[in-house]
Amino acid sequence: MLSRQARLRTAFRDWYPKITPDAWHHALWVREMALAGQRQGGPRWELTGRVLSDDHFDFQGGTDRGGTPGQERRLARPNGSGAA
């Protein structure tokens, strides 16, 4: 099973300068980079619910909390856009 992956959307690259856009990264690393940017005075967004916004990122892989394969939060299309 593929670990949980996150891909920053190009439109938000200035909000997350430590994260390369349009490349898949381990989701925990991306989360830590996003939180570090917030702590260092980077662009502010509402931290409600999940740290990594579905508006800013695409996701793939991972398991749900029960340890079984979960559904992807956003299906990544080959052209880089996501479907809700």
Foldseek 3Di string as FASTA:
>chain_A
DDAKWKAFDPVCCQQQVVHDHPDIDHPVVSLVSNVVCVVVPGDDDDCDDHSDDPVGIFIDDHPPPVPHRDDGPWDADPVGDTDD
